Amino acid sequence: MSKYLLNKFLYTVDRDPELVERYRESPRETVSWWETERAGELLNAIPAEATTWLRFTDEEREALAAHDYVKLFELGAHPFLTLTLFIALFERDHAEPLAFQRQYAAELAHFSLPYPDITT
């Protein structure tokens, strides 16, 4: 598992409005495309360097494809990266201000210290 790769996905998708929309509408396809086409390029890997750190685990891939930020947190994705991306994805679906942020906090409330390790 590469938490760095997982966090890099969250970071790069969040910073591109077109990718945010693509990920919102077609998450599984976007994750597959990003992993195949962008991961190595963004991490300056040469084509011959096909190591596991350039691929998501099945568990990571599924959590990303399902927009499962609770599972992503459990897997060690950085909570600020998941929060900012998922605000971009889903805040518009809530009428009340900060409603998504409250939902995010409530869904992660069952975690207690020590939190999952977020070091990369």
N, C-alpha and C. Protein backbone atom coordinates (compact mmCIF):
# COMPACT_ATOMS: atom_id res chain seq x y z
N MET A 1 0.84 -1.18 0.00
CA MET A 1 0.00 0.00 0.00
C MET A 1 0.89 1.24 0.00
N SER A 2 0.49 2.22 -0.79
CA SER A 2 1.22 3.48 -0.82
C SER A 2 0.30 4.61 -0.41
N LYS A 3 0.43 5.03 0.85
CA LYS A 3 -0.38 6.16 1.29
C LYS A 3 -0.01 7.42 0.51
N TYR A 4 1.25 7.49 0.09
CA TYR A 4 1.67 8.64 -0.71
C TYR A 4 0.86 8.69 -2.01
N LEU A 5 0.72 7.57 -2.68
CA LEU A 5 -0.03 7.53 -3.94
C LEU A 5 -1.50 7.87 -3.69
N LEU A 6 -2.06 7.33 -2.64
CA LEU A 6 -3.44 7.62 -2.28
C LEU A 6 -3.63 9.12 -2.03
N ASN A 7 -2.74 9.71 -1.25
CA ASN A 7 -2.82 11.14 -0.97
C ASN A 7 -2.55 11.98 -2.21
N LYS A 8 -1.68 11.51 -3.07
CA LYS A 8 -1.40 12.23 -4.32
C LYS A 8 -2.65 12.27 -5.20
N PHE A 9 -3.38 11.18 -5.25
CA PHE A 9 -4.64 11.16 -6.00
C PHE A 9 -5.59 12.21 -5.44
N LEU A 10 -5.82 12.18 -4.13
CA LEU A 10 -6.74 13.12 -3.51
C LEU A 10 -6.32 14.57 -3.78
N TYR A 11 -5.04 14.83 -3.65
CA TYR A 11 -4.51 16.18 -3.84
C TYR A 11 -4.66 16.65 -5.29
N THR A 12 -4.26 15.82 -6.24
CA THR A 12 -4.27 16.27 -7.64
C THR A 12 -5.69 16.38 -8.20
N VAL A 13 -6.57 15.48 -7.81
CA VAL A 13 -7.95 15.58 -8.28
C VAL A 13 -8.60 16.83 -7.70
N ASP A 14 -8.37 17.10 -6.44
CA ASP A 14 -8.98 18.25 -5.79
C ASP A 14 -8.56 19.58 -6.41
N ARG A 15 -7.39 19.63 -7.00
CA ARG A 15 -6.88 20.89 -7.54
C ARG A 15 -7.25 21.12 -9.00
N ASP A 16 -8.03 20.24 -9.58
CA ASP A 16 -8.43 20.37 -10.98
C ASP A 16 -9.95 20.25 -11.07
N PRO A 17 -10.65 21.38 -11.28
CA PRO A 17 -12.13 21.34 -11.31
C PRO A 17 -12.70 20.33 -12.31
N GLU A 18 -12.05 20.16 -13.44
CA GLU A 18 -12.53 19.17 -14.41
C GLU A 18 -12.40 17.75 -13.86
N LEU A 19 -11.29 17.48 -13.17
CA LEU A 19 -11.11 16.15 -12.57
C LEU A 19 -12.08 15.93 -11.42
N VAL A 20 -12.39 16.97 -10.67
CA VAL A 20 -13.38 16.84 -9.60
C VAL A 20 -14.70 16.37 -10.19
N GLU A 21 -15.12 17.02 -11.27
CA GLU A 21 -16.39 16.66 -11.91
C GLU A 21 -16.34 15.26 -12.51
N ARG A 22 -15.22 14.94 -13.11
CA ARG A 22 -15.05 13.60 -13.67
C ARG A 22 -15.13 12.54 -12.58
N TYR A 23 -14.46 12.80 -11.47
CA TYR A 23 -14.46 11.86 -10.34
C TYR A 23 -15.85 11.76 -9.72
N ARG A 24 -16.57 12.86 -9.66
CA ARG A 24 -17.93 12.84 -9.12
C ARG A 24 -18.86 11.98 -9.98
N GLU A 25 -18.76 12.16 -11.29
CA GLU A 25 -19.67 11.49 -12.21
C GLU A 25 -19.28 10.04 -12.52
N SER A 26 -17.99 9.77 -12.61
CA SER A 26 -17.50 8.43 -12.98
C SER A 26 -16.31 8.05 -12.10
N PRO A 27 -16.56 7.79 -10.84
CA PRO A 27 -15.43 7.57 -9.93
C PRO A 27 -14.56 6.37 -10.30
N ARG A 28 -15.17 5.24 -10.60
CA ARG A 28 -14.37 4.04 -10.90
C ARG A 28 -13.49 4.25 -12.13
N GLU A 29 -14.05 4.84 -13.16
CA GLU A 29 -13.30 5.10 -14.38
C GLU A 29 -12.19 6.13 -14.14
N THR A 30 -12.49 7.13 -13.34
CA THR A 30 -11.49 8.16 -13.05
C THR A 30 -10.33 7.58 -12.26
N VAL A 31 -10.63 6.77 -11.27
CA VAL A 31 -9.57 6.14 -10.47
C VAL A 31 -8.70 5.27 -11.36
N SER A 32 -9.31 4.46 -12.20
CA SER A 32 -8.56 3.58 -13.10
C SER A 32 -7.69 4.39 -14.06
N TRP A 33 -8.27 5.42 -14.66
CA TRP A 33 -7.52 6.29 -15.58
C TRP A 33 -6.35 6.95 -14.87
N TRP A 34 -6.60 7.52 -13.70
CA TRP A 34 -5.56 8.23 -12.97
C TRP A 34 -4.42 7.29 -12.60
N GLU A 35 -4.78 6.12 -12.11
CA GLU A 35 -3.77 5.14 -11.70
C GLU A 35 -2.92 4.71 -12.89
N THR A 36 -3.55 4.50 -14.04
CA THR A 36 -2.85 4.03 -15.24
C THR A 36 -2.07 5.14 -15.93
N GLU A 37 -2.69 6.29 -16.08
CA GLU A 37 -2.13 7.36 -16.91
C GLU A 37 -1.36 8.43 -16.16
N ARG A 38 -1.75 8.73 -14.94
CA ARG A 38 -1.18 9.88 -14.25
C ARG A 38 -0.21 9.55 -13.13
N ALA A 39 -0.42 8.43 -12.45
CA ALA A 39 0.37 8.13 -11.26
C ALA A 39 1.87 8.15 -11.54
N GLY A 40 2.30 7.40 -12.53
CA GLY A 40 3.73 7.35 -12.84
C GLY A 40 4.27 8.69 -13.31
N GLU A 41 3.49 9.39 -14.10
CA GLU A 41 3.89 10.71 -14.61
C GLU A 41 4.06 11.71 -13.47
N LEU A 42 3.11 11.73 -12.56
CA LEU A 42 3.18 12.68 -11.45
C LEU A 42 4.28 12.37 -10.46
N LEU A 43 4.63 11.12 -10.38
CA LEU A 43 5.68 10.72 -9.44
C LEU A 43 7.03 10.55 -10.11
N ASN A 44 7.13 11.03 -11.35
CA ASN A 44 8.38 11.01 -12.11
C ASN A 44 8.98 9.62 -12.26
N ALA A 45 8.12 8.64 -12.42
CA ALA A 45 8.60 7.27 -12.60
C ALA A 45 8.88 7.02 -14.07
N ILE A 46 9.87 6.21 -14.33
CA ILE A 46 10.15 5.81 -15.71
C ILE A 46 9.29 4.59 -16.03
N PRO A 47 8.93 4.39 -17.30
CA PRO A 47 8.03 3.28 -17.65
C PRO A 47 8.47 1.90 -17.15
N ALA A 48 9.75 1.66 -17.10
CA ALA A 48 10.24 0.35 -16.66
C ALA A 48 10.06 0.15 -15.15
N GLU A 49 9.73 1.21 -14.45
CA GLU A 49 9.60 1.15 -12.99
C GLU A 49 8.15 0.86 -12.60
N ALA A 50 7.72 -0.34 -12.81
CA ALA A 50 6.35 -0.74 -12.51
C ALA A 50 6.31 -1.43 -11.15
N THR A 51 6.41 -0.66 -10.10
CA THR A 51 6.43 -1.21 -8.76
C THR A 51 5.07 -1.03 -8.10
N THR A 52 4.89 -1.69 -6.97
CA THR A 52 3.61 -1.61 -6.27
C THR A 52 3.32 -0.21 -5.74
N TRP A 53 4.31 0.61 -5.54
CA TRP A 53 4.02 1.96 -5.04
C TRP A 53 3.38 2.84 -6.11
N LEU A 54 3.31 2.34 -7.36
CA LEU A 54 2.62 3.06 -8.42
C LEU A 54 1.22 2.52 -8.68
N ARG A 55 0.75 1.64 -7.80
CA ARG A 55 -0.59 1.07 -7.95
C ARG A 55 -1.31 1.12 -6.61
N PHE A 56 -2.61 1.33 -6.68
CA PHE A 56 -3.43 1.25 -5.48
C PHE A 56 -3.64 -0.21 -5.13
N THR A 57 -3.86 -0.48 -3.87
CA THR A 57 -4.30 -1.81 -3.48
C THR A 57 -5.76 -1.93 -3.90
N ASP A 58 -6.26 -3.14 -3.93
CA ASP A 58 -7.68 -3.34 -4.26
C ASP A 58 -8.57 -2.58 -3.27
N GLU A 59 -8.18 -2.59 -2.02
CA GLU A 59 -8.96 -1.91 -0.97
C GLU A 59 -8.96 -0.39 -1.18
N GLU A 60 -7.82 0.17 -1.51
CA GLU A 60 -7.74 1.60 -1.80
C GLU A 60 -8.56 1.96 -3.03
N ARG A 61 -8.38 1.17 -4.08
CA ARG A 61 -9.09 1.41 -5.34
C ARG A 61 -10.60 1.38 -5.12
N GLU A 62 -11.07 0.40 -4.36
CA GLU A 62 -12.50 0.28 -4.10
C GLU A 62 -13.02 1.45 -3.25
N ALA A 63 -12.27 1.84 -2.24
CA ALA A 63 -12.68 2.97 -1.40
C ALA A 63 -12.74 4.26 -2.22
N LEU A 64 -11.77 4.47 -3.09
CA LEU A 64 -11.80 5.64 -3.96
C LEU A 64 -12.98 5.58 -4.92
N ALA A 65 -13.22 4.43 -5.52
CA ALA A 65 -14.31 4.29 -6.48
C ALA A 65 -15.67 4.45 -5.82
N ALA A 66 -15.77 4.12 -4.53
CA ALA A 66 -17.03 4.22 -3.81
C ALA A 66 -17.21 5.57 -3.12
N HIS A 67 -16.24 6.47 -3.28
CA HIS A 67 -16.25 7.75 -2.56
C HIS A 67 -16.37 7.51 -1.05
N ASP A 68 -15.71 6.49 -0.56
CA ASP A 68 -15.81 6.08 0.84
C ASP A 68 -14.71 6.75 1.67
N TYR A 69 -14.97 7.99 2.09
CA TYR A 69 -13.95 8.74 2.81
C TYR A 69 -13.70 8.17 4.20
N VAL A 70 -14.65 7.48 4.79
CA VAL A 70 -14.42 6.84 6.09
C VAL A 70 -13.38 5.73 5.91
N LYS A 71 -13.54 4.91 4.90
CA LYS A 71 -12.58 3.84 4.63
C LYS A 71 -11.22 4.42 4.26
N LEU A 72 -11.22 5.51 3.48
CA LEU A 72 -9.95 6.14 3.12
C LEU A 72 -9.21 6.62 4.37
N PHE A 73 -9.94 7.22 5.30
CA PHE A 73 -9.32 7.65 6.57
C PHE A 73 -8.77 6.44 7.31
N GLU A 74 -9.55 5.38 7.35
CA GLU A 74 -9.12 4.14 8.00
C GLU A 74 -7.84 3.59 7.37
N LEU A 75 -7.71 3.77 6.05
CA LEU A 75 -6.52 3.28 5.34
C LEU A 75 -5.33 4.21 5.49
N GLY A 76 -5.52 5.38 6.10
CA GLY A 76 -4.41 6.28 6.33
C GLY A 76 -4.35 7.47 5.40
N ALA A 77 -5.39 7.71 4.60
CA ALA A 77 -5.42 8.91 3.77
C ALA A 77 -5.49 10.12 4.70
N HIS A 78 -4.83 11.19 4.29
CA HIS A 78 -4.80 12.37 5.14
C HIS A 78 -6.20 12.99 5.25
N PRO A 79 -6.68 13.25 6.47
CA PRO A 79 -8.05 13.74 6.64
C PRO A 79 -8.29 15.11 5.99
N PHE A 80 -7.31 15.97 5.92
CA PHE A 80 -7.52 17.27 5.28
C PHE A 80 -7.67 17.11 3.77
N LEU A 81 -6.93 16.17 3.19
CA LEU A 81 -7.06 15.93 1.76
C LEU A 81 -8.41 15.32 1.41
N THR A 82 -8.86 14.37 2.23
CA THR A 82 -10.17 13.79 1.96
C THR A 82 -11.26 14.84 2.17
N LEU A 83 -11.15 15.60 3.22
CA LEU A 83 -12.18 16.61 3.49
C LEU A 83 -12.28 17.63 2.37
N THR A 84 -11.17 18.18 1.92
CA THR A 84 -11.26 19.22 0.89
C THR A 84 -11.79 18.67 -0.43
N LEU A 85 -11.36 17.47 -0.81
CA LEU A 85 -11.87 16.90 -2.06
C LEU A 85 -13.36 16.57 -1.94
N PHE A 86 -13.76 15.98 -0.84
CA PHE A 86 -15.16 15.60 -0.72
C PHE A 86 -16.08 16.80 -0.50
N ILE A 87 -15.56 17.89 0.02
CA ILE A 87 -16.34 19.14 0.03
C ILE A 87 -16.59 19.56 -1.41
N ALA A 88 -15.55 19.53 -2.23
CA ALA A 88 -15.71 19.90 -3.65
C ALA A 88 -16.71 18.99 -4.36
N LEU A 89 -16.73 17.72 -3.98
CA LEU A 89 -17.62 16.76 -4.62
C LEU A 89 -19.07 16.89 -4.15
N PHE A 90 -19.28 17.08 -2.85
CA PHE A 90 -20.61 16.88 -2.31
C PHE A 90 -21.23 18.04 -1.53
N GLU A 91 -20.49 19.09 -1.29
CA GLU A 91 -21.07 20.21 -0.53
C GLU A 91 -22.31 20.77 -1.24
N ARG A 92 -22.28 20.80 -2.56
CA ARG A 92 -23.40 21.36 -3.34
C ARG A 92 -24.70 20.56 -3.18
N ASP A 93 -24.60 19.33 -2.68
CA ASP A 93 -25.78 18.50 -2.50
C ASP A 93 -26.51 18.79 -1.18
N HIS A 94 -25.97 19.69 -0.38
CA HIS A 94 -26.55 20.01 0.92
C HIS A 94 -27.02 21.46 0.93
N ALA A 95 -28.21 21.68 1.44
CA ALA A 95 -28.79 23.03 1.45
C ALA A 95 -28.23 23.89 2.58
N GLU A 96 -27.96 23.30 3.71
CA GLU A 96 -27.49 24.05 4.87
C GLU A 96 -25.98 24.32 4.79
N PRO A 97 -25.54 25.50 5.23
CA PRO A 97 -24.10 25.77 5.28
C PRO A 97 -23.39 24.75 6.20
N LEU A 98 -22.26 24.32 5.78
CA LEU A 98 -21.40 23.38 6.51
C LEU A 98 -22.06 22.01 6.77
N ALA A 99 -23.13 21.72 6.07
CA ALA A 99 -23.83 20.44 6.29
C ALA A 99 -22.94 19.26 5.93
N PHE A 100 -22.21 19.36 4.82
CA PHE A 100 -21.34 18.23 4.47
C PHE A 100 -20.22 18.07 5.49
N GLN A 101 -19.65 19.18 5.94
CA GLN A 101 -18.57 19.10 6.92
C GLN A 101 -19.06 18.45 8.22
N ARG A 102 -20.28 18.76 8.62
CA ARG A 102 -20.84 18.13 9.82
C ARG A 102 -21.08 16.64 9.58
N GLN A 103 -21.53 16.30 8.38
CA GLN A 103 -21.73 14.89 8.04
C GLN A 103 -20.40 14.14 8.08
N TYR A 104 -19.38 14.74 7.50
CA TYR A 104 -18.04 14.15 7.48
C TYR A 104 -17.56 13.89 8.91
N ALA A 105 -17.70 14.90 9.77
CA ALA A 105 -17.27 14.76 11.17
C ALA A 105 -18.07 13.67 11.88
N ALA A 106 -19.36 13.64 11.64
CA ALA A 106 -20.21 12.63 12.30
C ALA A 106 -19.82 11.22 11.85
N GLU A 107 -19.53 11.06 10.57
CA GLU A 107 -19.19 9.73 10.07
C GLU A 107 -17.81 9.26 10.50
N LEU A 108 -16.96 10.20 10.91
CA LEU A 108 -15.63 9.83 11.42
C LEU A 108 -15.58 9.86 12.95
N ALA A 109 -16.69 10.20 13.59
CA ALA A 109 -16.71 10.38 15.05
C ALA A 109 -16.40 9.10 15.82
N HIS A 110 -16.59 7.95 15.21
CA HIS A 110 -16.33 6.70 15.94
C HIS A 110 -14.84 6.42 16.11
N PHE A 111 -14.00 7.15 15.42
CA PHE A 111 -12.56 6.98 15.59
C PHE A 111 -12.13 7.68 16.87
N SER A 112 -11.22 7.06 17.59
CA SER A 112 -10.66 7.69 18.78
C SER A 112 -9.15 7.63 18.68
N LEU A 113 -8.50 8.37 19.51
CA LEU A 113 -7.04 8.37 19.49
C LEU A 113 -6.51 7.00 19.91
N PRO A 114 -5.46 6.54 19.39
CA PRO A 114 -4.72 7.16 18.28
C PRO A 114 -5.43 6.93 16.96
N TYR A 115 -5.46 7.97 16.14
CA TYR A 115 -6.05 7.86 14.83
C TYR A 115 -5.20 6.97 13.95
N PRO A 116 -5.77 6.52 12.83
CA PRO A 116 -4.93 5.74 11.90
C PRO A 116 -3.70 6.55 11.48
N ASP A 117 -2.63 5.88 11.25
CA ASP A 117 -1.37 6.51 10.87
C ASP A 117 -1.51 7.16 9.50
N ILE A 118 -1.25 8.47 9.41
CA ILE A 118 -1.35 9.17 8.13
C ILE A 118 0.01 9.52 7.55
N THR A 119 1.09 9.01 8.14
CA THR A 119 2.40 9.30 7.59
C THR A 119 2.58 8.56 6.28
N THR A 120 3.36 9.16 5.38
CA THR A 120 3.60 8.53 4.09
C THR A 120 5.00 7.97 4.02
